[in-house]
Amino acid sequence: MYLLGPIYSYIEATYGHQWNHFPLVRLVFYSLDKSLVYFLLFAILRVAYLLIKKRRPAWRQELVLWVFVFYLLLLLALTVFRGMYFPWQIKIYWQRPRSQINLQPLIETFKLRFGTSILDFLYNFYGNIVWFVPFGLLWPLVRRRRGFFRTVAAGMLLSLLIETIQFFIWTGVSDIDDLIFNTCGAMIGYLCFWLIFRRFVPAKPQ
């Protein structure tokens, strides 16, 4: 870790032997640290671009863009690029058996529900939904296209891309359930956007 190392070391030394699911905590810390590093790189490049082009975008729109970029970086760090920091560390496994793709909806999720660890079920079910709620909320603001179907379709395509990359670089299990729950999360996020937009943005006069 480059930024969160001391904090993680303290938590690991204090609670590592007490928490049964500490590997999940480790994944979150490594992903957050990685996201912060690449977000700083984005910030430098973005500021340089705006200065060179002499652009002064609206600060609210710029803030939304920065939040969205950080969200995407964290999402990809958690789901796709686990255990690697740099692009040259990626290895592609073209010969991975296609039989390892789960195309049976909800079967594996129900197995987790009655498995030995309820946390695995909660993370697989609720986690996959929650992680895509920000996408459904932010995408209409970034793209300025506030259609429900466009937002949900974009969320589904992002989820499909993640599952595909996970399969070929062997950083996760490609599961149809993830695609379903991610899409549901995008739907919920868009509903949140619609409620907020309707509540705080005045309607245009007819």
Protein backbone atom coordinates (compact mmCIF):
# COMPACT_ATOMS: atom_id res chain seq x y z
CA MET A 1 0.00 0.00 0.00
CA TYR A 2 1.13 3.52 -0.75
CA LEU A 3 -1.29 5.72 1.21
CA LEU A 4 -3.26 3.63 3.70
CA GLY A 5 -0.49 1.28 4.84
CA PRO A 6 -0.08 2.60 8.42
CA ILE A 7 -3.84 2.60 9.05
CA TYR A 8 -4.24 -0.91 7.68
CA SER A 9 -1.26 -2.21 9.69
CA TYR A 10 -2.78 -0.84 12.90
CA ILE A 11 -6.18 -2.39 12.20
CA GLU A 12 -4.61 -5.70 11.23
CA ALA A 13 -2.49 -5.82 14.38
CA THR A 14 -5.44 -4.87 16.59
CA TYR A 15 -8.34 -6.75 15.05
CA GLY A 16 -6.86 -9.19 12.53
CA HIS A 17 -7.06 -12.15 14.90
CA GLN A 18 -10.58 -11.25 16.08
CA TRP A 19 -12.47 -10.91 12.78
CA ASN A 20 -13.22 -14.10 10.90
CA HIS A 21 -13.68 -12.27 7.61
CA PHE A 22 -10.59 -10.06 7.80
CA PRO A 23 -9.62 -10.91 4.17
CA LEU A 24 -12.64 -8.84 3.13
CA VAL A 25 -11.32 -5.91 5.16
CA ARG A 26 -7.93 -6.38 3.50
CA LEU A 27 -9.55 -6.34 0.05
CA VAL A 28 -11.38 -3.10 0.84
CA PHE A 29 -8.23 -1.38 2.12
CA TYR A 30 -6.09 -2.47 -0.82
CA SER A 31 -8.80 -1.45 -3.28
CA LEU A 32 -9.29 1.93 -1.62
CA ASP A 33 -5.55 2.59 -1.55
CA LYS A 34 -5.22 1.65 -5.21
CA SER A 35 -8.19 3.84 -6.13
CA LEU A 36 -6.75 6.85 -4.31
CA VAL A 37 -3.43 6.49 -6.13
CA TYR A 38 -5.05 6.39 -9.56
CA PHE A 39 -7.51 9.12 -8.60
CA LEU A 40 -4.61 11.43 -7.78
CA LEU A 41 -3.20 10.66 -11.22
CA PHE A 42 -6.58 11.47 -12.77
CA ALA A 43 -6.77 14.73 -10.79
CA ILE A 44 -3.36 15.85 -12.07
CA LEU A 45 -4.21 15.01 -15.68
CA ARG A 46 -7.66 16.59 -15.45
CA VAL A 47 -6.39 19.85 -13.98
CA ALA A 48 -3.60 19.99 -16.57
CA TYR A 49 -6.13 19.40 -19.37
CA LEU A 50 -8.42 22.17 -18.14
CA LEU A 51 -5.51 24.59 -17.82
CA ILE A 52 -4.15 23.81 -21.28
CA LYS A 53 -7.59 24.09 -22.89
CA LYS A 54 -8.40 27.14 -20.74
CA ARG A 55 -11.74 25.71 -19.77
CA ARG A 56 -13.73 26.57 -16.67
CA PRO A 57 -16.56 24.04 -16.37
CA ALA A 58 -19.37 24.48 -13.86
CA TRP A 59 -18.08 23.33 -10.49
CA ARG A 60 -21.14 21.18 -9.76
CA GLN A 61 -20.76 19.25 -13.01
CA GLU A 62 -17.03 18.91 -12.44
CA LEU A 63 -17.63 17.62 -8.91
CA VAL A 64 -20.04 14.99 -10.23
CA LEU A 65 -17.44 13.89 -12.79
CA TRP A 66 -14.72 13.54 -10.14
CA VAL A 67 -17.00 11.57 -7.81
CA PHE A 68 -18.02 9.31 -10.69
CA VAL A 69 -14.40 8.65 -11.69
CA PHE A 70 -13.44 7.75 -8.13
CA TYR A 71 -16.45 5.46 -7.86
CA LEU A 72 -15.47 3.65 -11.08
CA LEU A 73 -11.87 3.27 -9.93
CA LEU A 74 -12.97 1.79 -6.61
CA LEU A 75 -15.51 -0.50 -8.28
CA LEU A 76 -12.92 -1.87 -10.71
CA ALA A 77 -10.33 -2.27 -7.95
CA LEU A 78 -12.77 -4.30 -5.85
CA THR A 79 -14.13 -6.47 -8.62
CA VAL A 80 -11.60 -6.81 -11.44
CA PHE A 81 -8.06 -5.77 -10.54
CA ARG A 82 -7.65 -7.55 -7.22
CA GLY A 83 -4.10 -8.28 -6.18
CA MET A 84 -2.53 -6.08 -8.84
CA TYR A 85 -1.50 -2.45 -8.85
CA PHE A 86 -0.17 -1.82 -12.33
CA PRO A 87 -1.39 -2.71 -15.84
CA TRP A 88 1.72 -4.77 -16.64
CA GLN A 89 0.81 -7.16 -13.81
CA ILE A 90 -2.29 -8.33 -15.67
CA LYS A 91 -2.20 -11.89 -17.01
CA ILE A 92 -4.81 -13.15 -19.47
CA TYR A 93 -5.95 -16.77 -19.33
CA TRP A 94 -7.45 -17.48 -22.74
CA GLN A 95 -7.74 -21.20 -22.04
CA ARG A 96 -9.84 -20.88 -18.89
CA PRO A 97 -12.68 -23.47 -19.10
CA ARG A 98 -16.00 -21.92 -20.14
CA SER A 99 -17.68 -24.36 -17.75
CA GLN A 100 -16.57 -22.08 -14.92
CA ILE A 101 -19.11 -19.47 -16.02
CA ASN A 102 -22.30 -19.76 -13.97
CA LEU A 103 -25.33 -19.21 -16.21
CA GLN A 104 -27.96 -20.61 -13.83
CA PRO A 105 -29.80 -17.67 -12.23
CA LEU A 106 -30.01 -17.51 -8.42
CA ILE A 107 -28.98 -21.12 -7.78
CA GLU A 108 -25.58 -20.29 -6.28
CA THR A 109 -27.04 -17.37 -4.33
CA PHE A 110 -29.58 -19.62 -2.62
CA LYS A 111 -26.80 -22.08 -1.83
CA LEU A 112 -24.92 -19.29 -0.08
CA ARG A 113 -28.07 -18.37 1.86
CA PHE A 114 -28.06 -21.76 3.53
CA GLY A 115 -24.29 -22.13 3.67
CA THR A 116 -21.93 -21.93 6.62
CA SER A 117 -21.32 -18.17 6.40
CA ILE A 118 -24.20 -15.72 6.20
CA LEU A 119 -21.71 -12.94 5.39
CA ASP A 120 -20.90 -14.56 2.05
CA PHE A 121 -24.58 -14.44 1.15
CA LEU A 122 -25.02 -10.85 2.33
CA TYR A 123 -22.00 -9.65 0.38
CA ASN A 124 -22.97 -11.53 -2.78
CA PHE A 125 -26.60 -10.41 -2.71
CA TYR A 126 -26.70 -6.96 -1.13
CA GLY A 127 -23.12 -6.04 -2.03
CA ASN A 128 -23.67 -6.56 -5.74
CA ILE A 129 -26.78 -4.39 -5.57
CA VAL A 130 -25.30 -1.62 -3.43
CA TRP A 131 -22.16 -1.28 -5.54
CA PHE A 132 -24.20 -0.29 -8.60
CA VAL A 133 -26.58 2.13 -6.88
CA PRO A 134 -24.05 5.00 -7.30
CA PHE A 135 -23.85 4.20 -11.01
CA GLY A 136 -27.59 4.59 -11.49
CA LEU A 137 -27.49 7.82 -9.50
CA LEU A 138 -24.46 9.42 -11.15
CA TRP A 139 -24.66 8.25 -14.76
CA PRO A 140 -27.62 10.51 -15.70
CA LEU A 141 -25.75 13.47 -14.20
CA VAL A 142 -22.50 12.72 -16.03
CA ARG A 143 -24.06 11.95 -19.40
CA ARG A 144 -26.95 14.42 -19.10
CA ARG A 145 -29.20 11.76 -20.58
CA ARG A 146 -31.76 11.09 -17.91
CA GLY A 147 -33.58 8.14 -19.45
CA PHE A 148 -34.28 5.12 -17.26
CA PHE A 149 -33.60 2.50 -19.93
CA ARG A 150 -30.36 4.13 -21.08
CA THR A 151 -29.06 4.23 -17.52
CA VAL A 152 -30.04 0.65 -16.74
CA ALA A 153 -28.61 -0.57 -20.06
CA ALA A 154 -25.32 1.22 -19.35
CA GLY A 155 -25.19 -0.35 -15.89
CA MET A 156 -25.87 -3.80 -17.31
CA LEU A 157 -23.16 -3.37 -19.95
CA LEU A 158 -20.65 -2.26 -17.31
CA SER A 159 -21.52 -5.30 -15.20
CA LEU A 160 -21.15 -7.58 -18.23
CA LEU A 161 -17.77 -6.02 -19.00
CA ILE A 162 -16.63 -6.61 -15.41
CA GLU A 163 -17.76 -10.24 -15.48
CA THR A 164 -16.00 -10.81 -18.81
CA ILE A 165 -12.71 -9.29 -17.67
CA GLN A 166 -12.91 -11.19 -14.38
CA PHE A 167 -13.17 -14.42 -16.31
CA PHE A 168 -10.20 -13.84 -18.59
CA ILE A 169 -7.81 -12.48 -15.96
CA TRP A 170 -9.05 -14.97 -13.35
CA THR A 171 -9.84 -12.49 -10.57
CA GLY A 172 -13.34 -13.71 -9.85
CA VAL A 173 -16.19 -15.99 -10.81
CA SER A 174 -18.29 -14.91 -13.79
CA ASP A 175 -21.83 -15.28 -12.48
CA ILE A 176 -25.20 -14.43 -14.01
CA ASP A 177 -26.39 -13.52 -10.51
CA ASP A 178 -23.87 -10.69 -10.35
CA LEU A 179 -25.22 -9.32 -13.62
CA ILE A 180 -28.79 -9.49 -12.31
CA PHE A 181 -28.03 -7.87 -8.95
CA ASN A 182 -25.81 -5.18 -10.50
CA THR A 183 -28.59 -4.27 -12.91
CA CYS A 184 -31.05 -4.07 -10.00
CA GLY A 185 -28.61 -1.74 -8.25
CA ALA A 186 -28.50 0.53 -11.30
CA MET A 187 -32.32 0.59 -11.30
CA ILE A 188 -32.42 1.58 -7.63
CA GLY A 189 -29.78 4.23 -8.23
CA TYR A 190 -31.80 5.74 -11.06
CA LEU A 191 -34.88 5.77 -8.83
CA CYS A 192 -32.87 7.71 -6.24
CA PHE A 193 -31.76 10.14 -8.96
CA TRP A 194 -35.35 10.59 -10.15
CA LEU A 195 -36.63 11.26 -6.62
CA ILE A 196 -33.86 13.77 -5.91
CA PHE A 197 -34.23 15.46 -9.29
CA ARG A 198 -37.99 15.72 -8.89
CA ARG A 199 -37.69 17.07 -5.35
CA PHE A 200 -34.98 19.69 -5.78
CA VAL A 201 -35.06 20.74 -9.44
CA PRO A 202 -38.00 23.03 -10.23
CA ALA A 203 -40.13 22.13 -13.21
CA LYS A 204 -39.80 24.30 -16.31
CA PRO A 205 -42.74 26.61 -16.94
CA GLN A 206 -45.08 25.45 -19.66
